[in-house]
Protein backbone atom coordinates (compact mmCIF):
# COMPACT_ATOMS: atom_id res chain seq x y z
CA MET A 1 15.58 5.14 -10.24
CA PHE A 2 14.83 6.47 -6.43
CA ASP A 3 17.68 7.27 -3.85
CA PHE A 4 16.24 5.61 -0.72
CA ALA A 5 17.96 6.38 2.55
CA HIS A 6 18.06 3.04 4.70
CA CYS A 7 17.28 2.89 8.40
CA PRO A 8 18.97 -0.66 8.85
CA ASP A 9 17.31 -2.28 11.63
CA ASP A 10 17.01 -6.40 12.26
CA LYS A 11 13.34 -6.79 13.02
CA ASP A 12 11.68 -4.00 10.95
CA PRO A 13 13.89 -2.66 8.24
CA THR A 14 12.78 0.87 6.86
CA THR A 15 13.82 2.79 3.52
CA SER A 16 12.57 6.19 2.75
CA VAL A 17 12.43 8.70 0.43
CA GLN A 18 11.54 12.21 -0.84
CA LEU A 19 8.52 12.12 -3.33
CA VAL A 20 8.90 15.61 -4.87
CA ASP A 21 5.52 16.02 -6.69
CA GLU A 22 2.25 13.65 -7.67
CA ALA A 23 4.29 12.41 -10.36
CA ALA A 24 7.19 10.71 -8.27
CA THR A 25 4.60 9.02 -6.03
CA LEU A 26 2.98 7.52 -9.40
CA ALA A 27 6.55 6.64 -10.22
CA LEU A 28 7.49 5.14 -7.07
CA GLY A 29 3.85 3.07 -7.52
CA ALA A 30 5.26 1.77 -10.93
CA GLN A 31 8.43 1.09 -9.43
CA LEU A 32 6.88 -1.35 -6.80
CA ALA A 33 4.84 -2.83 -9.30
CA GLU A 34 7.24 -3.88 -12.04
CA SER A 35 10.12 -4.63 -9.36
CA GLY A 36 8.31 -8.08 -8.86
CA LEU A 37 7.35 -7.24 -5.12
CA LEU A 38 3.51 -7.54 -5.50
CA VAL A 39 3.45 -11.33 -4.50
CA PRO A 40 0.08 -13.35 -3.89
CA GLY A 41 -1.03 -12.76 -0.44
CA LEU A 42 1.12 -9.61 0.17
CA VAL A 43 -0.69 -7.05 2.79
CA ILE A 44 0.64 -3.41 2.61
CA TRP A 45 -0.81 -0.59 5.12
CA LEU A 46 -1.22 2.79 3.45
CA GLU A 47 -0.73 5.33 6.23
CA GLY A 48 -1.02 9.10 6.02
CA SER A 49 -3.54 11.87 6.50
CA LEU A 50 -6.04 12.94 3.97
CA GLY A 51 -4.21 13.96 0.88
CA SER A 52 -1.28 12.60 1.53
CA GLY A 53 -0.83 10.58 -1.45
CA LYS A 54 -2.25 7.02 -0.61
CA THR A 55 -4.22 6.56 -3.29
CA THR A 56 -1.96 8.19 -6.00
CA LEU A 57 0.61 5.53 -4.59
CA VAL A 58 -2.03 2.81 -5.81
CA ARG A 59 -2.84 4.49 -8.83
CA GLY A 60 1.01 4.32 -10.04
CA ILE A 61 0.67 0.74 -8.80
CA LEU A 62 -2.17 -0.33 -11.22
CA LYS A 63 -1.44 1.67 -14.25
CA ALA A 64 2.32 -0.21 -14.17
CA LEU A 65 0.41 -3.18 -14.12
CA GLY A 66 -1.67 -2.42 -16.91
CA HIS A 67 -4.78 -1.40 -15.51
CA VAL A 68 -6.29 1.11 -18.18
CA GLY A 69 -9.35 2.78 -16.57
CA THR A 70 -9.92 5.30 -13.36
CA VAL A 71 -8.46 4.60 -10.16
CA LYS A 72 -10.61 6.33 -7.45
CA SER A 73 -10.13 5.68 -3.59
CA PRO A 74 -12.83 3.23 -2.18
CA THR A 75 -13.81 5.70 0.49
CA TYR A 76 -17.05 5.01 0.26
CA THR A 77 -17.44 1.62 -1.48
CA LEU A 78 -14.71 0.27 0.98
CA ILE A 79 -12.83 -1.85 -1.46
CA GLU A 80 -12.31 -1.61 -5.28
CA PRO A 81 -11.23 -4.94 -6.91
CA TYR A 82 -8.84 -4.72 -9.64
CA ILE A 83 -8.34 -8.03 -11.55
CA ILE A 84 -5.15 -7.79 -13.87
CA SER A 85 -3.85 -10.57 -16.04
CA LYS A 86 -3.22 -13.25 -12.97
CA ILE A 87 -3.13 -10.60 -10.37
CA ASN A 88 -6.02 -10.00 -7.97
CA LEU A 89 -5.46 -6.66 -6.24
CA TYR A 90 -7.82 -5.29 -3.45
CA HIS A 91 -7.43 -1.63 -2.67
CA PHE A 92 -9.35 -0.91 0.69
CA ASP A 93 -10.35 2.50 2.41
CA PHE A 94 -11.45 2.02 5.89
CA TYR A 95 -11.61 5.82 6.73
CA ARG A 96 -15.55 5.70 7.02
CA LEU A 97 -15.67 2.59 9.35
CA MET A 98 -17.15 3.78 12.66
CA ASN A 99 -15.83 0.99 14.39
CA PRO A 100 -13.77 -2.35 13.68
CA GLU A 101 -16.83 -4.63 13.87
CA GLU A 102 -18.05 -3.28 10.34
CA PHE A 103 -15.19 -4.55 8.76
CA LEU A 104 -16.11 -7.98 9.85
CA ASN A 105 -19.79 -7.36 9.29
CA ALA A 106 -19.20 -6.63 5.73
CA GLY A 107 -16.98 -9.49 5.39
CA LEU A 108 -13.86 -8.01 4.21
CA ASP A 109 -11.71 -10.49 6.14
CA GLU A 110 -12.22 -13.06 3.52
CA TYR A 111 -10.08 -11.07 0.87
CA PHE A 112 -6.98 -11.40 3.41
CA SER A 113 -6.96 -15.12 3.44
CA GLY A 114 -6.54 -15.57 -0.25
CA GLU A 115 -3.74 -15.07 -2.99
CA GLY A 116 -4.96 -11.30 -3.45
CA ILE A 117 -2.47 -8.40 -3.00
CA CYS A 118 -4.64 -6.02 -0.37
CA LEU A 119 -3.52 -2.57 -0.09
CA VAL A 120 -5.54 -0.99 2.89
CA GLU A 121 -5.66 3.08 3.46
CA TRP A 122 -6.57 3.76 7.13
CA PRO A 123 -5.98 0.13 8.43
CA HIS A 124 -6.07 1.36 12.06
CA GLN A 125 -9.99 1.61 11.49
CA ALA A 126 -10.18 -1.72 11.37
CA ILE A 127 -7.85 -3.23 14.14
CA PRO A 128 -8.29 -5.60 15.79
CA TYR A 129 -9.77 -7.91 12.95
CA LEU A 130 -7.39 -6.50 10.16
CA ALA A 131 -4.47 -8.93 8.67
CA SER A 132 -1.00 -8.01 10.09
CA PRO A 133 1.02 -5.70 7.22
CA ASP A 134 3.68 -7.08 5.14
CA LEU A 135 4.85 -3.74 4.58
CA VAL A 136 3.66 -0.19 5.86
CA ILE A 137 4.29 2.58 3.84
CA THR A 138 3.60 6.10 5.31
CA LEU A 139 3.18 9.03 3.41
CA THR A 140 3.75 12.35 4.80
CA PRO A 141 3.58 15.86 3.59
CA LYS A 142 6.90 17.69 3.28
CA ASP A 143 8.32 20.19 1.39
CA GLY A 144 5.88 20.76 -1.08
CA GLY A 145 5.96 16.96 -1.91
CA ARG A 146 5.98 13.92 0.35
CA GLN A 147 8.32 11.83 2.56
CA CYS A 148 7.70 7.91 2.06
CA GLU A 149 8.89 5.51 4.51
CA ILE A 150 8.58 2.19 4.12
CA GLN A 151 8.62 -0.36 6.64
CA ALA A 152 8.93 -4.15 6.65
CA LYS A 153 6.97 -5.94 9.21
CA THR A 154 7.15 -9.42 8.01
CA GLU A 155 9.79 -11.82 6.18
CA VAL A 156 8.25 -11.24 3.46
CA GLY A 157 8.31 -7.44 3.91
CA ARG A 158 12.04 -7.45 4.44
CA ILE A 159 12.70 -9.56 1.12
CA CYS A 160 10.72 -6.56 -0.58
CA VAL A 161 12.24 -3.72 0.99
CA ALA A 162 15.59 -5.50 0.09
CA GLN A 163 14.69 -5.69 -3.23
CA LEU A 164 13.32 -2.86 -3.82
CA THR A 165 16.42 -0.44 -2.13
CA ASP A 166 19.11 -2.78 -4.53
């Protein structure tokens, strides 16, 4: 569906694509969901400035998985859980964390040790306690749309990038 640009790297392979508008961001989210890449235990860090499309990408994923309700950023709640069929998907937003210890105090680390899929906005706010990512998806505003870079950080992430770009 998308024409990905490959940046091969033996350690952390990366692919990128230009998303011309919000519909393209939703479509990429749908492609991630429909391609079978979302496996239990997967951790995806979503990086980008405010308004760069992180929640829009999550919305595309959830809608493609069959979620029919609204999808909002968990900026104030820190987490929005979604149980769709047999998939537990957890959408986190750590923008408002004042210090990384708040992540531990809220007990959020428990979500990262199970079979759920964790999508994390503003992950750096919870370092050093946050689980390492399998994928890092960075959205950067560009030319009226967004540049999306997907970088593998683990073997599972490398398989995801390879499947996504095949």
